[in-house]
Protein backbone atom coordinates (compact mmCIF):
# COMPACT_ATOMS: atom_id res chain seq x y z
CA UNK A 1 -76.20 146.70 174.40
CA UNK A 2 -77.04 149.89 172.54
CA UNK A 3 -74.61 149.36 169.66
CA UNK A 4 -76.26 146.11 168.50
CA UNK A 5 -78.01 146.43 165.14
CA UNK A 6 -79.83 143.69 163.25
CA UNK A 7 -79.21 143.32 159.52
CA UNK A 8 -82.19 141.93 157.63
CA UNK A 9 -83.79 142.40 154.19
CA UNK A 10 -86.42 144.68 155.75
CA UNK A 11 -83.73 147.03 157.05
CA UNK A 12 -81.65 147.40 153.89
CA UNK A 13 -82.12 150.89 152.51
CA UNK A 14 -80.35 152.94 149.86
CA UNK A 15 -80.17 156.71 149.84
CA UNK A 16 -80.57 156.84 146.07
CA UNK A 17 -81.58 154.56 143.24
CA UNK A 18 -78.57 155.13 140.97
CA UNK A 19 -74.93 156.10 141.18
CA UNK A 20 -73.85 157.33 137.75
CA UNK A 21 -70.11 156.71 137.60
CA UNK A 22 -67.63 157.83 134.96
CA UNK A 23 -63.89 157.90 134.31
CA UNK A 24 -63.17 161.28 132.71
CA UNK A 25 -60.51 162.41 130.26
CA UNK A 26 -62.69 165.07 128.56
CA UNK A 27 -64.97 167.24 130.69
CA UNK A 28 -66.78 168.66 127.66
CA UNK A 29 -68.01 165.20 126.70
CA UNK A 30 -68.82 164.42 130.31
CA UNK A 31 -70.96 167.52 130.76
CA UNK A 32 -72.98 166.58 127.67
CA UNK A 33 -73.51 163.10 129.06
CA UNK A 34 -74.66 164.37 132.47
CA UNK A 35 -76.97 166.95 130.90
CA UNK A 36 -78.67 164.15 128.96
CA UNK A 37 -79.16 162.17 132.18
CA UNK A 38 -80.57 165.19 133.99
CA UNK A 39 -82.92 165.97 131.09
CA UNK A 40 -84.41 162.47 131.39
CA UNK A 41 -85.21 162.31 135.06
CA UNK A 42 -81.95 161.58 136.85
CA UNK A 43 -81.51 164.17 139.60
CA UNK A 44 -79.83 164.67 142.96
CA UNK A 45 -82.81 163.20 144.81
CA UNK A 46 -82.82 159.84 143.02
CA UNK A 47 -79.20 159.66 141.82
CA UNK A 48 -75.66 160.64 142.65
CA UNK A 49 -73.03 161.53 140.06
CA UNK A 50 -69.55 160.20 140.78
CA UNK A 51 -66.50 160.66 138.59
CA UNK A 52 -62.75 160.08 138.58
CA UNK A 53 -60.60 162.76 136.96
CA UNK A 54 -58.12 161.07 134.64
CA UNK A 55 -57.52 164.19 132.53
CA UNK A 56 -53.88 164.55 133.59
CA UNK A 57 -53.06 161.01 134.68
CA UNK A 58 -54.81 157.65 134.79
CA UNK A 59 -55.26 157.37 138.54
CA UNK A 60 -57.75 154.53 138.01
CA UNK A 61 -58.45 152.23 135.09
CA UNK A 62 -61.57 150.32 134.16
CA UNK A 63 -61.03 147.61 136.77
CA UNK A 64 -59.77 149.65 139.71
CA UNK A 65 -62.15 152.51 138.87
CA UNK A 66 -65.25 150.31 139.10
CA UNK A 67 -63.95 148.82 142.34
CA UNK A 68 -63.59 152.34 143.74
CA UNK A 69 -67.06 153.35 142.56
CA UNK A 70 -68.53 150.27 144.23
CA UNK A 71 -66.89 151.26 147.52
CA UNK A 72 -68.03 154.89 147.34
CA UNK A 73 -71.56 154.41 145.97
CA UNK A 74 -74.55 154.88 148.25
CA UNK A 75 -77.13 153.75 145.69
CA UNK A 76 -78.97 150.54 144.90
CA UNK A 77 -77.61 150.37 141.34
CA UNK A 78 -74.30 151.55 139.91
CA UNK A 79 -74.30 152.81 136.32
CA UNK A 80 -70.75 152.77 134.97
CA UNK A 81 -70.76 154.61 131.67
CA UNK A 82 -68.32 156.13 129.22
CA UNK A 83 -68.04 159.90 129.16
CA UNK A 84 -69.29 159.91 125.55
CA UNK A 85 -72.73 158.36 126.03
CA UNK A 86 -75.94 160.35 125.59
CA UNK A 87 -79.47 159.45 126.62
CA UNK A 88 -81.79 160.13 123.69
CA UNK A 89 -85.06 158.26 124.33
CA UNK A 90 -85.20 156.37 127.60
CA UNK A 91 -84.68 157.85 131.03
CA UNK A 92 -84.96 157.25 134.76
CA UNK A 93 -88.47 155.77 134.80
CA UNK A 94 -87.78 153.41 131.91
CA UNK A 95 -84.59 152.12 133.51
CA UNK A 96 -86.30 151.54 136.86
CA UNK A 97 -89.02 149.62 135.03
CA UNK A 98 -86.54 147.46 133.09
CA UNK A 99 -84.56 146.58 136.22
CA UNK A 100 -87.76 145.75 138.12
CA UNK A 101 -88.61 143.41 135.23
CA UNK A 102 -85.24 141.72 135.65
CA UNK A 103 -85.88 141.29 139.36
CA UNK A 104 -89.15 139.51 138.56
CA UNK A 105 -87.68 137.31 135.84
CA UNK A 106 -84.35 136.50 137.49
CA UNK A 107 -83.59 137.64 141.05
CA UNK A 108 -80.03 136.39 140.51
CA UNK A 109 -79.18 138.99 137.88
CA UNK A 110 -76.11 141.03 138.79
CA UNK A 111 -75.17 143.13 135.77
CA UNK A 112 -77.00 144.59 132.77
CA UNK A 113 -76.06 146.53 129.66
CA UNK A 114 -77.27 147.60 126.24
CA UNK A 115 -75.09 145.38 124.02
CA UNK A 116 -73.57 141.91 124.33
CA UNK A 117 -73.46 138.40 122.96
CA UNK A 118 -75.05 135.09 123.97
CA UNK A 119 -72.41 133.16 122.00
CA UNK A 120 -70.15 133.55 118.95
CA UNK A 121 -72.01 135.70 116.42
CA UNK A 122 -75.18 135.83 118.53
CA UNK A 123 -75.56 139.59 119.07
CA UNK A 124 -78.07 141.31 121.34
CA UNK A 125 -78.19 145.10 121.41
CA UNK A 126 -80.28 148.20 121.89
CA UNK A 127 -78.05 151.09 120.89
CA UNK A 128 -77.20 153.88 118.53
CA UNK A 129 -73.51 154.24 117.69
CA UNK A 130 -71.20 154.73 114.70
CA UNK A 131 -72.22 151.32 113.34
CA UNK A 132 -75.94 151.18 114.14
CA UNK A 133 -78.83 153.62 114.14
CA UNK A 134 -81.54 152.83 116.68
CA UNK A 135 -80.55 149.15 116.65
CA UNK A 136 -82.88 146.62 118.23
CA UNK A 137 -81.36 143.14 117.86
CA UNK A 138 -82.62 140.18 119.87
CA UNK A 139 -85.31 139.67 122.47
CA UNK A 140 -85.20 141.66 125.70
CA UNK A 141 -84.24 141.09 128.39
CA UNK A 142 -81.71 138.54 127.18
CA UNK A 143 -79.19 136.60 129.25
CA UNK A 144 -75.71 137.03 127.76
CA UNK A 145 -72.13 135.83 128.19
CA UNK A 146 -70.51 139.23 127.60
CA UNK A 147 -71.39 142.92 127.73
CA UNK A 148 -70.04 146.01 126.00
CA UNK A 149 -68.48 148.49 128.41
CA UNK A 150 -70.13 151.69 127.10
CA UNK A 151 -72.82 151.37 129.82
CA UNK A 152 -72.91 148.78 132.59
CA UNK A 153 -75.49 148.62 135.37
CA UNK A 154 -74.45 146.70 138.47
CA UNK A 155 -76.84 145.61 141.21
CA UNK A 156 -74.89 146.51 144.30
CA UNK A 157 -76.49 143.82 146.48
CA UNK A 158 -75.11 141.13 144.15
CA UNK A 159 -71.58 142.01 145.34
CA UNK A 160 -69.98 141.42 141.94
CA UNK A 161 -66.73 143.31 141.47
CA UNK A 162 -63.92 143.37 138.89
CA UNK A 163 -60.86 141.14 139.25
CA UNK A 164 -58.15 142.63 141.45
CA UNK A 165 -55.41 141.00 139.36
CA UNK A 166 -56.44 142.55 136.01
CA UNK A 167 -55.93 146.12 134.82
CA UNK A 168 -56.47 148.40 131.85
CA UNK A 169 -59.41 149.87 129.97
CA UNK A 170 -60.62 146.83 128.03
CA UNK A 171 -62.54 143.62 128.75
CA UNK A 172 -63.69 144.64 132.21
CA UNK A 173 -67.26 144.09 131.00
CA UNK A 174 -66.45 140.47 130.20
CA UNK A 175 -64.57 140.10 133.47
CA UNK A 176 -67.64 141.30 135.39
CA UNK A 177 -69.82 138.83 133.48
CA UNK A 178 -67.45 135.99 134.34
CA UNK A 179 -67.22 137.05 137.98
CA UNK A 180 -71.01 137.19 138.04
CA UNK A 181 -71.25 133.65 136.66
CA UNK A 182 -68.75 132.36 139.22
CA UNK A 183 -70.97 133.80 141.97
CA UNK A 184 -74.01 132.06 140.49
CA UNK A 185 -75.47 135.28 139.07
CA UNK A 186 -76.37 136.35 135.54
CA UNK A 187 -75.78 139.17 133.04
CA UNK A 188 -78.42 140.63 130.73
CA UNK A 189 -78.94 143.02 127.85
CA UNK A 190 -82.02 145.14 128.49
CA UNK A 191 -84.16 147.38 126.30
CA UNK A 192 -82.60 150.72 127.29
CA UNK A 193 -81.69 152.89 124.33
CA UNK A 194 -78.87 155.43 124.31
CA UNK A 195 -76.30 156.87 121.91
CA UNK A 196 -72.65 155.92 122.32
CA UNK A 197 -70.45 158.40 120.47
CA UNK A 198 -67.20 156.46 120.95
CA UNK A 199 -64.99 155.14 118.15
CA UNK A 200 -63.84 151.88 119.78
CA UNK A 201 -60.26 151.70 118.49
CA UNK A 202 -57.96 148.76 119.24
CA UNK A 203 -54.55 149.87 120.51
CA UNK A 204 -51.76 147.49 121.60
CA UNK A 205 -53.12 147.76 125.17
CA UNK A 206 -56.38 146.20 123.95
CA UNK A 207 -54.60 142.96 123.05
CA UNK A 208 -52.56 143.05 126.25
CA UNK A 209 -55.78 143.21 128.28
CA UNK A 210 -57.31 140.38 126.27
CA UNK A 211 -54.26 138.15 126.75
CA UNK A 212 -54.13 138.88 130.50
CA UNK A 213 -57.81 137.98 130.90
CA UNK A 214 -57.36 134.74 128.93
CA UNK A 215 -54.38 133.72 131.07
CA UNK A 216 -56.25 134.43 134.29
CA UNK A 217 -59.35 132.42 133.46
CA UNK A 218 -57.40 129.58 131.85
CA UNK A 219 -55.81 129.01 135.26
CA UNK A 220 -59.00 129.63 137.21
CA UNK A 221 -61.31 127.38 135.20
CA UNK A 222 -58.97 124.53 134.35
CA UNK A 223 -59.69 121.02 135.56
CA UNK A 224 -58.20 120.38 138.95
CA UNK A 225 -58.40 118.73 142.33
CA UNK A 226 -58.54 120.78 145.51
CA UNK A 227 -58.17 119.23 148.94
CA UNK A 228 -60.10 120.74 151.83
CA UNK A 229 -59.73 119.82 155.49
CA UNK A 230 -62.60 117.34 155.10
CA UNK A 231 -62.61 116.02 151.55
CA UNK A 232 -61.34 116.16 147.99
CA UNK A 233 -63.14 118.49 145.59
CA UNK A 234 -62.92 117.65 141.89
CA UNK A 235 -63.28 120.42 139.30
CA UNK A 236 -64.29 119.54 135.77
CA UNK A 237 -67.18 117.54 134.30
CA UNK A 238 -65.11 114.36 133.75
CA UNK A 239 -64.92 113.80 137.50
CA UNK A 240 -68.70 113.49 137.71
CA UNK A 241 -68.17 110.00 136.32
CA UNK A 242 -68.00 107.83 139.45
CA UNK A 243 -65.25 105.52 138.18
CA UNK A 244 -62.91 108.39 137.27
CA UNK A 245 -63.43 109.94 140.70
CA UNK A 246 -62.70 106.60 142.41
CA UNK A 247 -59.60 106.05 140.26
CA UNK A 248 -58.24 109.57 140.93
CA UNK A 249 -58.64 109.13 144.68
CA UNK A 250 -56.70 105.85 144.60
CA UNK A 251 -53.89 107.45 142.64
CA UNK A 252 -53.68 110.33 145.09
CA UNK A 253 -53.49 107.95 148.01
CA UNK A 254 -50.50 106.27 146.40
CA UNK A 255 -48.59 109.32 145.14
CA UNK A 256 -49.51 112.11 147.57
CA UNK A 257 -50.00 112.89 151.24
CA UNK A 258 -53.71 112.26 151.02
CA UNK A 259 -53.90 109.55 153.64
CA UNK A 260 -56.33 106.61 153.81
CA UNK A 261 -57.56 107.85 157.21
CA UNK A 262 -59.17 110.89 155.61
CA UNK A 263 -62.85 110.72 154.79
CA UNK A 264 -63.82 110.41 151.12
């Protein structure tokens, strides 16, 4: 049959290395950002430049915009960056080198950035912005729990995408890190220096996004028991204790439709 086509690692190819993706409300800032990318080795042969025009209306937000970029991208890596970033030192070759290093260290990496935290107060960053000049904090590359949204680099093959039930322009970096962790993948801060010109203000929508994310993951990660067609699956570390698991199963047999004929 002529329409059969095998999919294997040897046959996976990407037209370009990077898709540079941006939500735009100010084309002047965006042009400056793209000029800095082009000046440091990103061109139409190795990269594509995708944008969403939000100058008149927010057609997409941080969550839905990244989901759309992931669908439209033809590259191996997706760089989602603010319109007000500027490359000042590092360029195409450096970024390729840093991502190749990640592949060697941790093939399960899914997302990288230039600023994040490993835990409360444990900063890792390589950035220039309104707070820091040429900051180099931490050891690179460093596995982190959260990433700043000014620049995010997603490995397309990892298939990590933002939550469909969240919206807005805040905390999508954290959401991607959490989605990555759920898939068994990891997030990193890498040694890739750029200048972020943004101010980072906190409007009421910032707190709305934070509260929505907290509600979502409180439900998703809570302790629970899920019944499959073959067995009971216990979520939460307490159920790793054999007696608690045995006791919970007995209670369910008494008070639910989980019948004694089902395999445990």
